[in-house]
Amino acid sequence: MPGIDINTATQDDLDAIDGLRGHGFEIVRYREERGRFTSLRQLDEVPGLSGKIDSETRDRLTV
C-alpha cells in the first residue's frame, strides 16, 4: 500500500496520521516556505518534529 505523499498531503491528511497529529500545519508551512521534501528525514527539520517520528509513522509516508 503506497504511503501518503508529504509533498501533496493537506494539513488534514497529515493530522489524521498517528504520530503526526497536530503537526500538519507545521509540515505544510515548511513545505511552502522551503519547497518540496526530497527525503522523509527532512521531517526532522520541521519545528516540533525533530526525533519524534517513529519508524511505523515513517512507513506510512512517502515523498
PDB file of N, CA and C in Angstrom:
ATOM      1  N   MET A   1       0.838  -1.180   0.000  1.00  0.00           N
ATOM      2  CA  MET A   1       0.000   0.000   0.000  1.00  0.00           C
ATOM      3  C   MET A   1       0.882   1.241   0.000  1.00  0.00           C
ATOM      4  N   PRO A   2       0.695   2.135  -0.970  1.00  0.00           N
ATOM      5  CA  PRO A   2       1.520   3.346  -1.015  1.00  0.00           C
ATOM      6  C   PRO A   2       1.232   4.244   0.176  1.00  0.00           C
ATOM      7  N   GLY A   3       2.271   4.962   0.589  1.00  0.00           N
ATOM      8  CA  GLY A   3       2.114   5.869   1.704  1.00  0.00           C
ATOM      9  C   GLY A   3       1.539   7.199   1.269  1.00  0.00           C
ATOM     10  N   ILE A   4       1.275   8.042   2.229  1.00  0.00           N
ATOM     11  CA  ILE A   4       0.781   9.382   1.957  1.00  0.00           C
ATOM     12  C   ILE A   4       1.964  10.253   1.566  1.00  0.00           C
ATOM     13  N   ASP A   5       1.841  10.936   0.439  1.00  0.00           N
ATOM     14  CA  ASP A   5       2.909  11.789  -0.072  1.00  0.00           C
ATOM     15  C   ASP A   5       2.918  13.098   0.720  1.00  0.00           C
ATOM     16  N   ILE A   6       3.999  13.345   1.446  1.00  0.00           N
ATOM     17  CA  ILE A   6       4.068  14.554   2.270  1.00  0.00           C
ATOM     18  C   ILE A   6       4.216  15.817   1.436  1.00  0.00           C
ATOM     19  N   ASN A   7       4.454  15.670   0.140  1.00  0.00           N
ATOM     20  CA  ASN A   7       4.547  16.833  -0.737  1.00  0.00           C
ATOM     21  C   ASN A   7       3.191  17.270  -1.292  1.00  0.00           C
ATOM     22  N   THR A   8       2.198  16.414  -1.199  1.00  0.00           N
ATOM     23  CA  THR A   8       0.876  16.761  -1.723  1.00  0.00           C
ATOM     24  C   THR A   8      -0.223  16.678  -0.670  1.00  0.00           C
ATOM     25  N   ALA A   9       0.071  16.089   0.463  1.00  0.00           N
ATOM     26  CA  ALA A   9      -0.939  15.918   1.513  1.00  0.00           C
ATOM     27  C   ALA A   9      -1.365  17.269   2.091  1.00  0.00           C
ATOM     28  N   THR A  10      -2.635  17.345   2.437  1.00  0.00           N
ATOM     29  CA  THR A  10      -3.156  18.548   3.086  1.00  0.00           C
ATOM     30  C   THR A  10      -2.869  18.481   4.578  1.00  0.00           C
ATOM     31  N   GLN A  11      -3.100  19.583   5.244  1.00  0.00           N
ATOM     32  CA  GLN A  11      -2.943  19.622   6.702  1.00  0.00           C
ATOM     33  C   GLN A  11      -3.828  18.565   7.350  1.00  0.00           C
ATOM     34  N   ASP A  12      -5.061  18.456   6.899  1.00  0.00           N
ATOM     35  CA  ASP A  12      -5.978  17.461   7.466  1.00  0.00           C
ATOM     36  C   ASP A  12      -5.497  16.037   7.214  1.00  0.00           C
ATOM     37  N   ASP A  13      -4.956  15.776   6.021  1.00  0.00           N
ATOM     38  CA  ASP A  13      -4.408  14.444   5.719  1.00  0.00           C
ATOM     39  C   ASP A  13      -3.310  14.085   6.709  1.00  0.00           C
ATOM     40  N   LEU A  14      -2.415  15.039   6.947  1.00  0.00           N
ATOM     41  CA  LEU A  14      -1.273  14.797   7.834  1.00  0.00           C
ATOM     42  C   LEU A  14      -1.709  14.670   9.281  1.00  0.00           C
ATOM     43  N   ASP A  15      -2.651  15.497   9.696  1.00  0.00           N
ATOM     44  CA  ASP A  15      -3.140  15.432  11.076  1.00  0.00           C
ATOM     45  C   ASP A  15      -3.872  14.126  11.376  1.00  0.00           C
ATOM     46  N   ALA A  16      -4.343  13.445  10.341  1.00  0.00           N
ATOM     47  CA  ALA A  16      -5.063  12.186  10.528  1.00  0.00           C
ATOM     48  C   ALA A  16      -4.128  11.002  10.782  1.00  0.00           C
ATOM     49  N   ILE A  17      -2.830  11.204  10.637  1.00  0.00           N
ATOM     50  CA  ILE A  17      -1.855  10.128  10.821  1.00  0.00           C
ATOM     51  C   ILE A  17      -1.349  10.129  12.263  1.00  0.00           C
ATOM     52  N   ASP A  18      -1.486   8.986  12.923  1.00  0.00           N
ATOM     53  CA  ASP A  18      -0.914   8.858  14.264  1.00  0.00           C
ATOM     54  C   ASP A  18       0.575   9.155  14.170  1.00  0.00           C
ATOM     55  N   GLY A  19       1.078   9.912  15.080  1.00  0.00           N
ATOM     56  CA  GLY A  19       2.486  10.280  15.061  1.00  0.00           C
ATOM     57  C   GLY A  19       2.715  11.660  14.459  1.00  0.00           C
ATOM     58  N   LEU A  20       1.747  12.142  13.682  1.00  0.00           N
ATOM     59  CA  LEU A  20       1.845  13.486  13.103  1.00  0.00           C
ATOM     60  C   LEU A  20       0.718  14.388  13.587  1.00  0.00           C
ATOM     61  N   ARG A  21      -0.244  13.804  14.267  1.00  0.00           N
ATOM     62  CA  ARG A  21      -1.433  14.540  14.707  1.00  0.00           C
ATOM     63  C   ARG A  21      -1.043  15.855  15.370  1.00  0.00           C
ATOM     64  N   GLY A  22      -1.621  16.942  14.867  1.00  0.00           N
ATOM     65  CA  GLY A  22      -1.357  18.260  15.411  1.00  0.00           C
ATOM     66  C   GLY A  22      -0.163  18.963  14.789  1.00  0.00           C
ATOM     67  N   HIS A  23       0.522  18.287  13.867  1.00  0.00           N
ATOM     68  CA  HIS A  23       1.705  18.874  13.234  1.00  0.00           C
ATOM     69  C   HIS A  23       1.510  19.128  11.738  1.00  0.00           C
ATOM     70  N   GLY A  24       0.325  18.879  11.228  1.00  0.00           N
ATOM     71  CA  GLY A  24       0.061  19.078   9.807  1.00  0.00           C
ATOM     72  C   GLY A  24       0.341  20.500   9.352  1.00  0.00           C
ATOM     73  N   PHE A  25      -0.054  21.473  10.165  1.00  0.00           N
ATOM     74  CA  PHE A  25       0.162  22.870   9.803  1.00  0.00           C
ATOM     75  C   PHE A  25       1.644  23.163   9.629  1.00  0.00           C
ATOM     76  N   GLU A  26       2.472  22.701  10.577  1.00  0.00           N
ATOM     77  CA  GLU A  26       3.905  22.956  10.505  1.00  0.00           C
ATOM     78  C   GLU A  26       4.545  22.292   9.285  1.00  0.00           C
ATOM     79  N   ILE A  27       4.086  21.092   8.960  1.00  0.00           N
ATOM     80  CA  ILE A  27       4.636  20.373   7.808  1.00  0.00           C
ATOM     81  C   ILE A  27       4.293  21.105   6.512  1.00  0.00           C
ATOM     82  N   VAL A  28       3.041  21.512   6.376  1.00  0.00           N
ATOM     83  CA  VAL A  28       2.621  22.232   5.170  1.00  0.00           C
ATOM     84  C   VAL A  28       3.346  23.574   5.078  1.00  0.00           C
ATOM     85  N   ARG A  29       3.473  24.281   6.183  1.00  0.00           N
ATOM     86  CA  ARG A  29       4.154  25.572   6.171  1.00  0.00           C
ATOM     87  C   ARG A  29       5.624  25.401   5.786  1.00  0.00           C
ATOM     88  N   TYR A  30       6.283  24.400   6.339  1.00  0.00           N
ATOM     89  CA  TYR A  30       7.677  24.118   5.997  1.00  0.00           C
ATOM     90  C   TYR A  30       7.797  23.880   4.493  1.00  0.00           C
ATOM     91  N   ARG A  31       6.902  23.064   3.951  1.00  0.00           N
ATOM     92  CA  ARG A  31       6.916  22.727   2.520  1.00  0.00           C
ATOM     93  C   ARG A  31       6.687  23.974   1.665  1.00  0.00           C
ATOM     94  N   GLU A  32       5.784  24.833   2.080  1.00  0.00           N
ATOM     95  CA  GLU A  32       5.508  26.060   1.318  1.00  0.00           C
ATOM     96  C   GLU A  32       6.687  27.035   1.355  1.00  0.00           C
ATOM     97  N   GLU A  33       7.379  27.080   2.491  1.00  0.00           N
ATOM     98  CA  GLU A  33       8.496  28.010   2.639  1.00  0.00           C
ATOM     99  C   GLU A  33       9.782  27.510   1.989  1.00  0.00           C
ATOM    100  N   ARG A  34      10.024  26.203   2.017  1.00  0.00           N
ATOM    101  CA  ARG A  34      11.307  25.653   1.582  1.00  0.00           C
ATOM    102  C   ARG A  34      11.241  24.780   0.350  1.00  0.00           C
ATOM    103  N   GLY A  35      10.048  24.520  -0.134  1.00  0.00           N
ATOM    104  CA  GLY A  35       9.911  23.671  -1.305  1.00  0.00           C
ATOM    105  C   GLY A  35       9.640  22.222  -0.943  1.00  0.00           C
ATOM    106  N   ARG A  36       9.548  21.422  -1.962  1.00  0.00           N
ATOM    107  CA  ARG A  36       9.210  20.012  -1.785  1.00  0.00           C
ATOM    108  C   ARG A  36      10.232  19.270  -0.917  1.00  0.00           C
ATOM    109  N   PHE A  37       9.734  18.301  -0.195  1.00  0.00           N
ATOM    110  CA  PHE A  37      10.606  17.398   0.546  1.00  0.00           C
ATOM    111  C   PHE A  37      11.280  16.469  -0.452  1.00  0.00           C
ATOM    112  N   THR A  38      12.538  16.178  -0.226  1.00  0.00           N
ATOM    113  CA  THR A  38      13.241  15.218  -1.067  1.00  0.00           C
ATOM    114  C   THR A  38      13.534  13.929  -0.307  1.00  0.00           C
ATOM    115  N   SER A  39      13.305  13.957   1.003  1.00  0.00           N
ATOM    116  CA  SER A  39      13.569  12.811   1.864  1.00  0.00           C
ATOM    117  C   SER A  39      12.662  12.892   3.089  1.00  0.00           C
ATOM    118  N   LEU A  40      12.254  11.738   3.588  1.00  0.00           N
ATOM    119  CA  LEU A  40      11.465  11.731   4.817  1.00  0.00           C
ATOM    120  C   LEU A  40      12.274  12.242   6.005  1.00  0.00           C
ATOM    121  N   ARG A  41      13.588  12.134   5.923  1.00  0.00           N
ATOM    122  CA  ARG A  41      14.445  12.627   7.006  1.00  0.00           C
ATOM    123  C   ARG A  41      14.300  14.128   7.216  1.00  0.00           C
ATOM    124  N   GLN A  42      13.871  14.837   6.169  1.00  0.00           N
ATOM    125  CA  GLN A  42      13.675  16.281   6.302  1.00  0.00           C
ATOM    126  C   GLN A  42      12.571  16.619   7.290  1.00  0.00           C
ATOM    127  N   LEU A  43      11.710  15.684   7.606  1.00  0.00           N
ATOM    128  CA  LEU A  43      10.671  15.951   8.605  1.00  0.00           C
ATOM    129  C   LEU A  43      11.288  16.327   9.949  1.00  0.00           C
ATOM    130  N   ASP A  44      12.498  15.852  10.205  1.00  0.00           N
ATOM    131  CA  ASP A  44      13.181  16.198  11.459  1.00  0.00           C
ATOM    132  C   ASP A  44      13.547  17.678  11.513  1.00  0.00           C
ATOM    133  N   GLU A  45      13.515  18.364  10.374  1.00  0.00           N
ATOM    134  CA  GLU A  45      13.811  19.793  10.319  1.00  0.00           C
ATOM    135  C   GLU A  45      12.575  20.648  10.586  1.00  0.00           C
ATOM    136  N   VAL A  46      11.395  20.021  10.572  1.00  0.00           N
ATOM    137  CA  VAL A  46      10.152  20.746  10.827  1.00  0.00           C
ATOM    138  C   VAL A  46      10.081  21.055  12.327  1.00  0.00           C
ATOM    139  N   PRO A  47       9.858  22.324  12.672  1.00  0.00           N
ATOM    140  CA  PRO A  47       9.780  22.686  14.093  1.00  0.00           C
ATOM    141  C   PRO A  47       8.779  21.808  14.848  1.00  0.00           C
ATOM    142  N   GLY A  48       9.248  21.265  15.962  1.00  0.00           N
ATOM    143  CA  GLY A  48       8.410  20.428  16.807  1.00  0.00           C
ATOM    144  C   GLY A  48       8.433  18.949  16.468  1.00  0.00           C
ATOM    145  N   LEU A  49       9.084  18.552  15.389  1.00  0.00           N
ATOM    146  CA  LEU A  49       9.083  17.142  14.989  1.00  0.00           C
ATOM    147  C   LEU A  49      10.418  16.431  15.162  1.00  0.00           C
ATOM    148  N   SER A  50      11.467  17.146  15.399  1.00  0.00           N
ATOM    149  CA  SER A  50      12.794  16.543  15.475  1.00  0.00           C
ATOM    150  C   SER A  50      12.832  15.361  16.446  1.00  0.00           C
ATOM    151  N   GLY A  51      13.110  14.184  15.902  1.00  0.00           N
ATOM    152  CA  GLY A  51      13.237  12.974  16.709  1.00  0.00           C
ATOM    153  C   GLY A  51      11.936  12.400  17.228  1.00  0.00           C
ATOM    154  N   LYS A  52      10.806  12.929  16.790  1.00  0.00           N
ATOM    155  CA  LYS A  52       9.518  12.474  17.322  1.00  0.00           C
ATOM    156  C   LYS A  52       8.767  11.505  16.420  1.00  0.00           C
ATOM    157  N   ILE A  53       9.254  11.313  15.194  1.00  0.00           N
ATOM    158  CA  ILE A  53       8.528  10.449  14.258  1.00  0.00           C
ATOM    159  C   ILE A  53       9.140   9.060  14.286  1.00  0.00           C
ATOM    160  N   ASP A  54       8.328   8.083  14.682  1.00  0.00           N
ATOM    161  CA  ASP A  54       8.839   6.712  14.770  1.00  0.00           C
ATOM    162  C   ASP A  54       8.809   6.029  13.403  1.00  0.00           C
ATOM    163  N   SER A  55       9.428   4.870  13.348  1.00  0.00           N
ATOM    164  CA  SER A  55       9.545   4.156  12.069  1.00  0.00           C
ATOM    165  C   SER A  55       8.181   3.715  11.538  1.00  0.00           C
ATOM    166  N   GLU A  56       7.254   3.405  12.410  1.00  0.00           N
ATOM    167  CA  GLU A  56       5.911   3.000  11.972  1.00  0.00           C
ATOM    168  C   GLU A  56       5.217   4.149  11.238  1.00  0.00           C
ATOM    169  N   THR A  57       5.374   5.355  11.752  1.00  0.00           N
ATOM    170  CA  THR A  57       4.789   6.525  11.094  1.00  0.00           C
ATOM    171  C   THR A  57       5.488   6.784   9.767  1.00  0.00           C
ATOM    172  N   ARG A  58       6.805   6.722   9.745  1.00  0.00           N
ATOM    173  CA  ARG A  58       7.559   6.948   8.502  1.00  0.00           C
ATOM    174  C   ARG A  58       7.175   5.930   7.422  1.00  0.00           C
ATOM    175  N   ASP A  59       6.858   4.710   7.828  1.00  0.00           N
ATOM    176  CA  ASP A  59       6.463   3.680   6.872  1.00  0.00           C
ATOM    177  C   ASP A  59       5.149   4.004   6.174  1.00  0.00           C
ATOM    178  N   ARG A  60       4.361   4.908   6.738  1.00  0.00           N
ATOM    179  CA  ARG A  60       3.080   5.292   6.151  1.00  0.00           C
ATOM    180  C   ARG A  60       3.203   6.502   5.235  1.00  0.00           C
ATOM    181  N   LEU A  61       4.440   7.032   5.079  1.00  0.00           N
ATOM    182  CA  LEU A  61       4.672   8.247   4.321  1.00  0.00           C
ATOM    183  C   LEU A  61       5.567   7.992   3.118  1.00  0.00           C
ATOM    184  N   THR A  62       5.506   8.902   2.167  1.00  0.00           N
ATOM    185  CA  THR A  62       6.368   8.848   1.001  1.00  0.00           C
ATOM    186  C   THR A  62       6.629  10.274   0.522  1.00  0.00           C
ATOM    187  N   VAL A  63       7.658  10.440  -0.323  1.00  0.00           N
ATOM    188  CA  VAL A  63       7.946  11.737  -0.942  1.00  0.00           C
ATOM    189  C   VAL A  63       7.848  11.603  -2.448  1.00  0.00           C
TER     190      VAL A  63
END
